[in-house]
Amino acid sequence: LVESGGGLVQPGGSLRLSCVASGINFYYSDMGWYR
């Protein structure tokens, strides 16, 4: 699972995180973001 899209942003701003999966049956997987 490879994340991308992080960075520095000012309050009120926006970011878009992506996670590309490999080696797993993605269709049947429950996915989530944690921090």
Full PDB file with SEQRES, HELIX, SHEET, SSBOND, CRYST1, ORIGX, SCALE, CONECT and MASTER records, all heavy atoms in Angstrom:
SEQRES   1 A   35  LEU VAL GLU SER GLY GLY GLY LEU VAL GLN PRO GLY GLY          
SEQRES   2 A   35  SER LEU ARG LEU SER CYS VAL ALA SER GLY ILE ASN PHE          
SEQRES   3 A   35  TYR TYR SER ASP MET GLY TRP TYR ARG                          
HELIX    1 AA1 PHE A   26  TYR A   28  5                                   3    
SHEET    1 AA1 2 VAL A   2  SER A   4  0                                        
SHEET    2 AA1 2 SER A  18  VAL A  20 -1                                        
CRYST1    1.000    1.000    1.000  90.00  90.00  90.00 P 1           1          
ORIGX1      1.000000  0.000000  0.000000        0.00000                         
ORIGX2      0.000000  1.000000  0.000000        0.00000                         
ORIGX3      0.000000  0.000000  1.000000        0.00000                         
SCALE1      1.000000  0.000000  0.000000        0.00000                         
SCALE2      0.000000  1.000000  0.000000        0.00000                         
SCALE3      0.000000  0.000000  1.000000        0.00000                         
ATOM      1  N   LEU A   1       0.870  -1.168   0.000  1.00  0.00           N  
ATOM      2  CA  LEU A   1       0.000   0.000   0.000  1.00  0.00           C  
ATOM      3  C   LEU A   1       0.908   1.219   0.000  1.00  0.00           C  
ATOM      4  O   LEU A   1       1.700   1.395   0.925  1.00  0.00           O  
ATOM      5  CB  LEU A   1      -0.905   0.009   1.235  1.00  0.00           C  
ATOM      6  CG  LEU A   1      -1.803  -1.205   1.434  1.00  0.00           C  
ATOM      7  CD1 LEU A   1      -2.522  -1.120   2.787  1.00  0.00           C  
ATOM      8  CD2 LEU A   1      -2.825  -1.312   0.318  1.00  0.00           C  
ATOM      9  N   VAL A   2       0.792   2.044  -1.030  1.00  0.00           N  
ATOM     10  CA  VAL A   2       1.708   3.184  -1.177  1.00  0.00           C  
ATOM     11  C   VAL A   2       0.908   4.476  -1.183  1.00  0.00           C  
ATOM     12  O   VAL A   2       0.127   4.737  -2.102  1.00  0.00           O  
ATOM     13  CB  VAL A   2       2.541   3.062  -2.464  1.00  0.00           C  
ATOM     14  CG1 VAL A   2       3.490   4.249  -2.577  1.00  0.00           C  
ATOM     15  CG2 VAL A   2       3.316   1.749  -2.479  1.00  0.00           C  
ATOM     16  N   GLU A   3       1.130   5.276  -0.127  1.00  0.00           N  
ATOM     17  CA  GLU A   3       0.431   6.556  -0.004  1.00  0.00           C  
ATOM     18  C   GLU A   3       1.206   7.675  -0.706  1.00  0.00           C  
ATOM     19  O   GLU A   3       2.445   7.624  -0.787  1.00  0.00           O  
ATOM     20  CB  GLU A   3       0.256   6.948   1.468  1.00  0.00           C  
ATOM     21  CG  GLU A   3      -0.516   5.967   2.309  1.00  0.00           C  
ATOM     22  CD  GLU A   3       0.370   5.073   3.135  1.00  0.00           C  
ATOM     23  OE1 GLU A   3       1.544   4.871   2.735  1.00  0.00           O  
ATOM     24  OE2 GLU A   3      -0.089   4.566   4.177  1.00  0.00           O  
ATOM     25  N   SER A   4       0.470   8.674  -1.156  1.00  0.00           N  
ATOM     26  CA  SER A   4       1.086   9.880  -1.711  1.00  0.00           C  
ATOM     27  C   SER A   4       0.133  11.049  -1.507  1.00  0.00           C  
ATOM     28  O   SER A   4      -1.061  10.837  -1.234  1.00  0.00           O  
ATOM     29  CB  SER A   4       1.405   9.709  -3.198  1.00  0.00           C  
ATOM     30  OG  SER A   4       0.236   9.479  -3.938  1.00  0.00           O  
ATOM     31  N   GLY A   5       0.674  12.263  -1.633  1.00  0.00           N  
ATOM     32  CA  GLY A   5      -0.170  13.447  -1.558  1.00  0.00           C  
ATOM     33  C   GLY A   5      -0.065  14.246  -0.285  1.00  0.00           C  
ATOM     34  O   GLY A   5      -0.720  15.282  -0.142  1.00  0.00           O  
ATOM     35  N   GLY A   6       0.743  13.794   0.660  1.00  0.00           N  
ATOM     36  CA  GLY A   6       0.916  14.556   1.886  1.00  0.00           C  
ATOM     37  C   GLY A   6       1.723  15.818   1.640  1.00  0.00           C  
ATOM     38  O   GLY A   6       2.256  16.040   0.549  1.00  0.00           O  
ATOM     39  N   GLY A   7       1.802  16.653   2.667  1.00  0.00           N  
ATOM     40  CA  GLY A   7       2.583  17.866   2.541  1.00  0.00           C  
ATOM     41  C   GLY A   7       2.189  18.903   3.559  1.00  0.00           C  
ATOM     42  O   GLY A   7       1.477  18.612   4.521  1.00  0.00           O  
ATOM     43  N   LEU A   8       2.667  20.116   3.322  1.00  0.00           N  
ATOM     44  CA  LEU A   8       2.390  21.252   4.200  1.00  0.00           C  
ATOM     45  C   LEU A   8       1.291  22.108   3.575  1.00  0.00           C  
ATOM     46  O   LEU A   8       1.364  22.449   2.386  1.00  0.00           O  
ATOM     47  CB  LEU A   8       3.657  22.079   4.387  1.00  0.00           C  
ATOM     48  CG  LEU A   8       3.522  23.403   5.155  1.00  0.00           C  
ATOM     49  CD1 LEU A   8       3.102  23.150   6.593  1.00  0.00           C  
ATOM     50  CD2 LEU A   8       4.836  24.178   5.088  1.00  0.00           C  
ATOM     51  N   VAL A   9       0.300  22.450   4.375  1.00  0.00           N  
ATOM     52  CA  VAL A   9      -0.807  23.271   3.879  1.00  0.00           C  
ATOM     53  C   VAL A   9      -1.224  24.233   4.978  1.00  0.00           C  
ATOM     54  O   VAL A   9      -1.090  23.936   6.169  1.00  0.00           O  
ATOM     55  CB  VAL A   9      -1.984  22.374   3.434  1.00  0.00           C  
ATOM     56  CG1 VAL A   9      -2.568  21.598   4.608  1.00  0.00           C  
ATOM     57  CG2 VAL A   9      -3.053  23.178   2.720  1.00  0.00           C  
ATOM     58  N   GLN A  10      -1.724  25.387   4.575  1.00  0.00           N  
ATOM     59  CA  GLN A  10      -2.192  26.363   5.551  1.00  0.00           C  
ATOM     60  C   GLN A  10      -3.574  25.992   6.062  1.00  0.00           C  
ATOM     61  O   GLN A  10      -4.329  25.286   5.370  1.00  0.00           O  
ATOM     62  CB  GLN A  10      -2.243  27.746   4.908  1.00  0.00           C  
ATOM     63  CG  GLN A  10      -0.876  28.317   4.568  1.00  0.00           C  
ATOM     64  CD  GLN A  10      -0.954  29.751   4.090  1.00  0.00           C  
ATOM     65  OE1 GLN A  10      -2.015  30.239   3.696  1.00  0.00           O  
ATOM     66  NE2 GLN A  10       0.172  30.440   4.132  1.00  0.00           N  
ATOM     67  N   PRO A  11      -3.908  26.434   7.256  1.00  0.00           N  
ATOM     68  CA  PRO A  11      -5.271  26.191   7.766  1.00  0.00           C  
ATOM     69  C   PRO A  11      -6.328  26.662   6.771  1.00  0.00           C  
ATOM     70  O   PRO A  11      -6.192  27.740   6.181  1.00  0.00           O  
ATOM     71  CB  PRO A  11      -5.305  27.007   9.055  1.00  0.00           C  
ATOM     72  CG  PRO A  11      -3.887  27.046   9.504  1.00  0.00           C  
ATOM     73  CD  PRO A  11      -3.073  27.136   8.241  1.00  0.00           C  
ATOM     74  N   GLY A  12      -7.347  25.831   6.595  1.00  0.00           N  
ATOM     75  CA  GLY A  12      -8.396  26.111   5.625  1.00  0.00           C  
ATOM     76  C   GLY A  12      -8.121  25.551   4.245  1.00  0.00           C  
ATOM     77  O   GLY A  12      -9.007  25.556   3.390  1.00  0.00           O  
ATOM     78  N   GLY A  13      -6.916  25.068   4.032  1.00  0.00           N  
ATOM     79  CA  GLY A  13      -6.535  24.532   2.732  1.00  0.00           C  
ATOM     80  C   GLY A  13      -6.999  23.102   2.508  1.00  0.00           C  
ATOM     81  O   GLY A  13      -7.700  22.517   3.352  1.00  0.00           O  
ATOM     82  N   SER A  14      -6.599  22.558   1.363  1.00  0.00           N  
ATOM     83  CA  SER A  14      -7.022  21.214   0.963  1.00  0.00           C  
ATOM     84  C   SER A  14      -5.823  20.372   0.544  1.00  0.00           C  
ATOM     85  O   SER A  14      -4.813  20.898   0.061  1.00  0.00           O  
ATOM     86  CB  SER A  14      -7.998  21.290  -0.219  1.00  0.00           C  
ATOM     87  OG  SER A  14      -9.170  21.998   0.127  1.00  0.00           O  
ATOM     88  N   LEU A  15      -5.961  19.084   0.757  1.00  0.00           N  
ATOM     89  CA  LEU A  15      -5.003  18.089   0.259  1.00  0.00           C  
ATOM     90  C   LEU A  15      -5.774  16.866  -0.179  1.00  0.00           C  
ATOM     91  O   LEU A  15      -6.859  16.588   0.340  1.00  0.00           O  
ATOM     92  CB  LEU A  15      -4.000  17.693   1.340  1.00  0.00           C  
ATOM     93  CG  LEU A  15      -2.822  18.622   1.627  1.00  0.00           C  
ATOM     94  CD1 LEU A  15      -2.011  18.074   2.797  1.00  0.00           C  
ATOM     95  CD2 LEU A  15      -1.945  18.803   0.407  1.00  0.00           C  
ATOM     96  N   ARG A  16      -5.153  16.137  -1.093  1.00  0.00           N  
ATOM     97  CA  ARG A  16      -5.762  14.894  -1.584  1.00  0.00           C  
ATOM     98  C   ARG A  16      -4.745  13.783  -1.422  1.00  0.00           C  
ATOM     99  O   ARG A  16      -3.681  13.817  -2.048  1.00  0.00           O  
ATOM    100  CB  ARG A  16      -6.158  15.059  -3.043  1.00  0.00           C  
ATOM    101  CG  ARG A  16      -6.815  13.860  -3.698  1.00  0.00           C  
ATOM    102  CD  ARG A  16      -7.099  14.217  -5.151  1.00  0.00           C  
ATOM    103  NE  ARG A  16      -7.559  13.106  -5.961  1.00  0.00           N  
ATOM    104  CZ  ARG A  16      -8.827  12.819  -6.183  1.00  0.00           C  
ATOM    105  NH1 ARG A  16      -9.769  13.573  -5.639  1.00  0.00           N  
ATOM    106  NH2 ARG A  16      -9.173  11.799  -6.953  1.00  0.00           N  
ATOM    107  N   LEU A  17      -5.086  12.813  -0.589  1.00  0.00           N  
ATOM    108  CA  LEU A  17      -4.216  11.660  -0.378  1.00  0.00           C  
ATOM    109  C   LEU A  17      -4.663  10.513  -1.274  1.00  0.00           C  
ATOM    110  O   LEU A  17      -5.863  10.285  -1.449  1.00  0.00           O  
ATOM    111  CB  LEU A  17      -4.266  11.196   1.077  1.00  0.00           C  
ATOM    112  CG  LEU A  17      -3.804  12.194   2.140  1.00  0.00           C  
ATOM    113  CD1 LEU A  17      -3.912  11.551   3.526  1.00  0.00           C  
ATOM    114  CD2 LEU A  17      -2.396  12.659   1.882  1.00  0.00           C  
ATOM    115  N   SER A  18      -3.678   9.803  -1.812  1.00  0.00           N  
ATOM    116  CA  SER A  18      -3.952   8.617  -2.620  1.00  0.00           C  
ATOM    117  C   SER A  18      -3.210   7.423  -2.047  1.00  0.00           C  
ATOM    118  O   SER A  18      -2.143   7.573  -1.453  1.00  0.00           O  
ATOM    119  CB  SER A  18      -3.498   8.832  -4.065  1.00  0.00           C  
ATOM    120  OG  SER A  18      -4.206   9.878  -4.683  1.00  0.00           O  
ATOM    121  N   CYS A  19      -3.779   6.260  -2.225  1.00  0.00           N  
ATOM    122  CA  CYS A  19      -3.152   5.011  -1.805  1.00  0.00           C  
ATOM    123  C   CYS A  19      -3.358   4.002  -2.920  1.00  0.00           C  
ATOM    124  O   CYS A  19      -4.496   3.672  -3.255  1.00  0.00           O  
ATOM    125  CB  CYS A  19      -3.775   4.513  -0.509  1.00  0.00           C  
ATOM    126  SG  CYS A  19      -3.298   2.829  -0.036  1.00  0.00           S  
ATOM    127  N   VAL A  20      -2.253   3.541  -3.474  1.00  0.00           N  
ATOM    128  CA  VAL A  20      -2.326   2.538  -4.533  1.00  0.00           C  
ATOM    129  C   VAL A  20      -1.955   1.181  -3.946  1.00  0.00           C  
ATOM    130  O   VAL A  20      -0.919   1.032  -3.308  1.00  0.00           O  
ATOM    131  CB  VAL A  20      -1.385   2.890  -5.700  1.00  0.00           C  
ATOM    132  CG1 VAL A  20      -1.456   1.813  -6.766  1.00  0.00           C  
ATOM    133  CG2 VAL A  20      -1.766   4.242  -6.287  1.00  0.00           C  
ATOM    134  N   ALA A  21      -2.821   0.218  -4.173  1.00  0.00           N  
ATOM    135  CA  ALA A  21      -2.639  -1.122  -3.617  1.00  0.00           C  
ATOM    136  C   ALA A  21      -2.156  -2.094  -4.695  1.00  0.00           C  
ATOM    137  O   ALA A  21      -2.518  -1.982  -5.862  1.00  0.00           O  
ATOM    138  CB  ALA A  21      -3.952  -1.629  -3.026  1.00  0.00           C  
ATOM    139  N   SER A  22      -1.356  -3.055  -4.251  1.00  0.00           N  
ATOM    140  CA  SER A  22      -0.938  -4.142  -5.137  1.00  0.00           C  
ATOM    141  C   SER A  22      -0.800  -5.410  -4.306  1.00  0.00           C  
ATOM    142  O   SER A  22      -0.614  -5.357  -3.086  1.00  0.00           O  
ATOM    143  CB  SER A  22       0.384  -3.806  -5.833  1.00  0.00           C  
ATOM    144  OG  SER A  22       1.417  -3.604  -4.896  1.00  0.00           O  
ATOM    145  N   GLY A  23      -0.940  -6.547  -4.977  1.00  0.00           N  
ATOM    146  CA  GLY A  23      -0.781  -7.820  -4.288  1.00  0.00           C  
ATOM    147  C   GLY A  23      -1.946  -8.210  -3.413  1.00  0.00           C  
ATOM    148  O   GLY A  23      -1.823  -9.110  -2.574  1.00  0.00           O  
ATOM    149  N   ILE A  24      -3.103  -7.557  -3.594  1.00  0.00           N  
ATOM    150  CA  ILE A  24      -4.272  -7.816  -2.759  1.00  0.00           C  
ATOM    151  C   ILE A  24      -5.521  -7.734  -3.623  1.00  0.00           C  
ATOM    152  O   ILE A  24      -5.540  -6.995  -4.621  1.00  0.00           O  
ATOM    153  CB  ILE A  24      -4.353  -6.793  -1.603  1.00  0.00           C  
ATOM    154  CG1 ILE A  24      -5.392  -7.214  -0.554  1.00  0.00           C  
ATOM    155  CG2 ILE A  24      -4.651  -5.400  -2.118  1.00  0.00           C  
ATOM    156  CD1 ILE A  24      -5.371  -6.376   0.707  1.00  0.00           C  
ATOM    157  N   ASN A  25      -6.545  -8.519  -3.263  1.00  0.00           N  
ATOM    158  CA  ASN A  25      -7.812  -8.440  -3.968  1.00  0.00           C  
ATOM    159  C   ASN A  25      -8.531  -7.171  -3.496  1.00  0.00           C  
ATOM    160  O   ASN A  25      -9.283  -7.193  -2.514  1.00  0.00           O  
ATOM    161  CB  ASN A  25      -8.656  -9.682  -3.703  1.00  0.00           C  
ATOM    162  CG  ASN A  25      -9.861  -9.749  -4.611  1.00  0.00           C  
ATOM    163  OD1 ASN A  25     -10.495  -8.728  -4.896  1.00  0.00           O  
ATOM    164  ND2 ASN A  25     -10.193 -10.945  -5.072  1.00  0.00           N  
ATOM    165  N   PHE A  26      -8.251  -6.072  -4.185  1.00  0.00           N  
ATOM    166  CA  PHE A  26      -8.739  -4.775  -3.744  1.00  0.00           C  
ATOM    167  C   PHE A  26     -10.263  -4.724  -3.713  1.00  0.00           C  
ATOM    168  O   PHE A  26     -10.851  -4.106  -2.819  1.00  0.00           O  
ATOM    169  CB  PHE A  26      -8.187  -3.691  -4.671  1.00  0.00           C  
ATOM    170  CG  PHE A  26      -8.447  -2.275  -4.219  1.00  0.00           C  
ATOM    171  CD1 PHE A  26      -7.632  -1.672  -3.265  1.00  0.00           C  
ATOM    172  CD2 PHE A  26      -9.501  -1.540  -4.743  1.00  0.00           C  
ATOM    173  CE1 PHE A  26      -7.864  -0.370  -2.849  1.00  0.00           C  
ATOM    174  CE2 PHE A  26      -9.744  -0.235  -4.339  1.00  0.00           C  
ATOM    175  CZ  PHE A  26      -8.921   0.348  -3.384  1.00  0.00           C  
ATOM    176  N   TYR A  27     -10.894  -5.350  -4.674  1.00  0.00           N  
ATOM    177  CA  TYR A  27     -12.366  -5.265  -4.785  1.00  0.00           C  
ATOM    178  C   TYR A  27     -13.046  -5.742  -3.508  1.00  0.00           C  
ATOM    179  O   TYR A  27     -14.055  -5.184  -3.069  1.00  0.00           O  
ATOM    180  CB  TYR A  27     -12.826  -6.094  -5.981  1.00  0.00           C  
ATOM    181  CG  TYR A  27     -14.303  -5.994  -6.257  1.00  0.00           C  
ATOM    182  CD1 TYR A  27     -14.821  -4.972  -7.047  1.00  0.00           C  
ATOM    183  CD2 TYR A  27     -15.195  -6.927  -5.724  1.00  0.00           C  
ATOM    184  CE1 TYR A  27     -16.176  -4.874  -7.295  1.00  0.00           C  
ATOM    185  CE2 TYR A  27     -16.555  -6.836  -5.969  1.00  0.00           C  
ATOM    186  CZ  TYR A  27     -17.036  -5.808  -6.762  1.00  0.00           C  
ATOM    187  OH  TYR A  27     -18.378  -5.713  -7.001  1.00  0.00           O  
ATOM    188  N   TYR A  28     -12.496  -6.777  -2.889  1.00  0.00           N  
ATOM    189  CA  TYR A  28     -13.131  -7.355  -1.705  1.00  0.00           C  
ATOM    190  C   TYR A  28     -12.590  -6.779  -0.394  1.00  0.00           C  
ATOM    191  O   TYR A  28     -13.059  -7.140   0.683  1.00  0.00           O  
ATOM    192  CB  TYR A  28     -12.946  -8.872  -1.693  1.00  0.00           C  
ATOM    193  CG  TYR A  28     -13.753  -9.577  -2.748  1.00  0.00           C  
ATOM    194  CD1 TYR A  28     -13.142 -10.142  -3.859  1.00  0.00           C  
ATOM    195  CD2 TYR A  28     -15.135  -9.668  -2.646  1.00  0.00           C  
ATOM    196  CE1 TYR A  28     -13.882 -10.786  -4.839  1.00  0.00           C  
ATOM    197  CE2 TYR A  28     -15.889 -10.305  -3.621  1.00  0.00           C  
ATOM    198  CZ  TYR A  28     -15.259 -10.865  -4.712  1.00  0.00           C  
ATOM    199  OH  TYR A  28     -15.990 -11.495  -5.669  1.00  0.00           O  
ATOM    200  N   SER A  29     -11.620  -5.901  -0.484  1.00  0.00           N  
ATOM    201  CA  SER A  29     -10.970  -5.380   0.720  1.00  0.00           C  
ATOM    202  C   SER A  29     -11.750  -4.203   1.301  1.00  0.00           C  
ATOM    203  O   SER A  29     -12.218  -3.338   0.563  1.00  0.00           O  
ATOM    204  CB  SER A  29      -9.543  -4.915   0.405  1.00  0.00           C  
ATOM    205  OG  SER A  29      -8.749  -5.977  -0.054  1.00  0.00           O  
ATOM    206  N   ASP A  30     -11.863  -4.177   2.609  1.00  0.00           N  
ATOM    207  CA  ASP A  30     -12.337  -2.992   3.309  1.00  0.00           C  
ATOM    208  C   ASP A  30     -11.135  -2.075   3.485  1.00  0.00           C  
ATOM    209  O   ASP A  30     -10.088  -2.499   3.983  1.00  0.00           O  
ATOM    210  CB  ASP A  30     -12.925  -3.355   4.665  1.00  0.00           C  
ATOM    211  CG  ASP A  30     -14.213  -4.147   4.542  1.00  0.00           C  
ATOM    212  OD1 ASP A  30     -14.879  -4.052   3.494  1.00  0.00           O  
ATOM    213  OD2 ASP A  30     -14.546  -4.870   5.497  1.00  0.00           O  
ATOM    214  N   MET A  31     -11.300  -0.828   3.077  1.00  0.00           N  
ATOM    215  CA  MET A  31     -10.181   0.111   3.065  1.00  0.00           C  
ATOM    216  C   MET A  31     -10.436   1.257   4.028  1.00  0.00           C  
ATOM    217  O   MET A  31     -11.588   1.633   4.293  1.00  0.00           O  
ATOM    218  CB  MET A  31      -9.964   0.671   1.659  1.00  0.00           C  
ATOM    219  CG  MET A  31      -9.703  -0.367   0.598  1.00  0.00           C  
ATOM    220  SD  MET A  31      -8.173  -1.286   0.871  1.00  0.00           S  
ATOM    221  CE  MET A  31      -6.968   0.050   0.795  1.00  0.00           C  
ATOM    222  N   GLY A  32      -9.355   1.854   4.514  1.00  0.00           N  
ATOM    223  CA  GLY A  32      -9.535   2.976   5.422  1.00  0.00           C  
ATOM    224  C   GLY A  32      -8.305   3.850   5.509  1.00  0.00           C  
ATOM    225  O   GLY A  32      -7.200   3.446   5.132  1.00  0.00           O  
ATOM    226  N   TRP A  33      -8.539   5.067   5.971  1.00  0.00           N  
ATOM    227  CA  TRP A  33      -7.470   6.007   6.291  1.00  0.00           C  
ATOM    228  C   TRP A  33      -7.410   6.167   7.802  1.00  0.00           C  
ATOM    229  O   TRP A  33      -8.441   6.331   8.461  1.00  0.00           O  
ATOM    230  CB  TRP A  33      -7.716   7.359   5.639  1.00  0.00           C  
ATOM    231  CG  TRP A  33      -7.518   7.347   4.161  1.00  0.00           C  
ATOM    232  CD1 TRP A  33      -8.477   7.254   3.193  1.00  0.00           C  
ATOM    233  CD2 TRP A  33      -6.273   7.429   3.460  1.00  0.00           C  
ATOM    234  NE1 TRP A  33      -7.915   7.256   1.951  1.00  0.00           N  
ATOM    235  CE2 TRP A  33      -6.548   7.371   2.079  1.00  0.00           C  
ATOM    236  CE3 TRP A  33      -4.944   7.547   3.865  1.00  0.00           C  
ATOM    237  CZ2 TRP A  33      -5.552   7.431   1.116  1.00  0.00           C  
ATOM    238  CZ3 TRP A  33      -3.947   7.607   2.906  1.00  0.00           C  
ATOM    239  CH2 TRP A  33      -4.256   7.550   1.547  1.00  0.00           C  
ATOM    240  N   TYR A  34      -6.199   6.149   8.302  1.00  0.00           N  
ATOM    241  CA  TYR A  34      -5.948   6.300   9.722  1.00  0.00           C  
ATOM    242  C   TYR A  34      -4.907   7.392   9.900  1.00  0.00           C  
ATOM    243  O   TYR A  34      -4.175   7.712   8.957  1.00  0.00           O  
ATOM    244  CB  TYR A  34      -5.418   4.983  10.311  1.00  0.00           C  
ATOM    245  CG  TYR A  34      -6.333   3.802  10.086  1.00  0.00           C  
ATOM    246  CD1 TYR A  34      -6.435   3.200   8.829  1.00  0.00           C  
ATOM    247  CD2 TYR A  34      -7.119   3.306  11.113  1.00  0.00           C  
ATOM    248  CE1 TYR A  34      -7.283   2.135   8.613  1.00  0.00           C  
ATOM    249  CE2 TYR A  34      -7.974   2.226  10.916  1.00  0.00           C  
ATOM    250  CZ  TYR A  34      -8.038   1.648   9.662  1.00  0.00           C  
ATOM    251  OH  TYR A  34      -8.884   0.599   9.453  1.00  0.00           O  
ATOM    252  N   ARG A  35      -4.841   7.950  11.092  1.00  0.00           N  
ATOM    253  CA  ARG A  35      -3.815   8.958  11.329  1.00  0.00           C  
ATOM    254  C   ARG A  35      -3.264   8.828  12.743  1.00  0.00           C  
ATOM    255  O   ARG A  35      -3.947   8.361  13.649  1.00  0.00           O  
ATOM    256  CB  ARG A  35      -4.340  10.373  11.103  1.00  0.00           C  
ATOM    257  CG  ARG A  35      -5.413  10.818  12.083  1.00  0.00           C  
ATOM    258  CD  ARG A  35      -5.969  12.189  11.657  1.00  0.00           C  
ATOM    259  NE  ARG A  35      -7.016  12.646  12.560  1.00  0.00           N  
ATOM    260  CZ  ARG A  35      -7.775  13.721  12.339  1.00  0.00           C  
ATOM    261  NH1 ARG A  35      -7.600  14.441  11.223  1.00  0.00           N  
ATOM    262  NH2 ARG A  35      -8.704  14.075  13.217  1.00  0.00           N  
TER     263      ARG A  35                                                      
MASTER        0    0    0    1    2    0    0    6  262    1    0    3          
END                                                                             
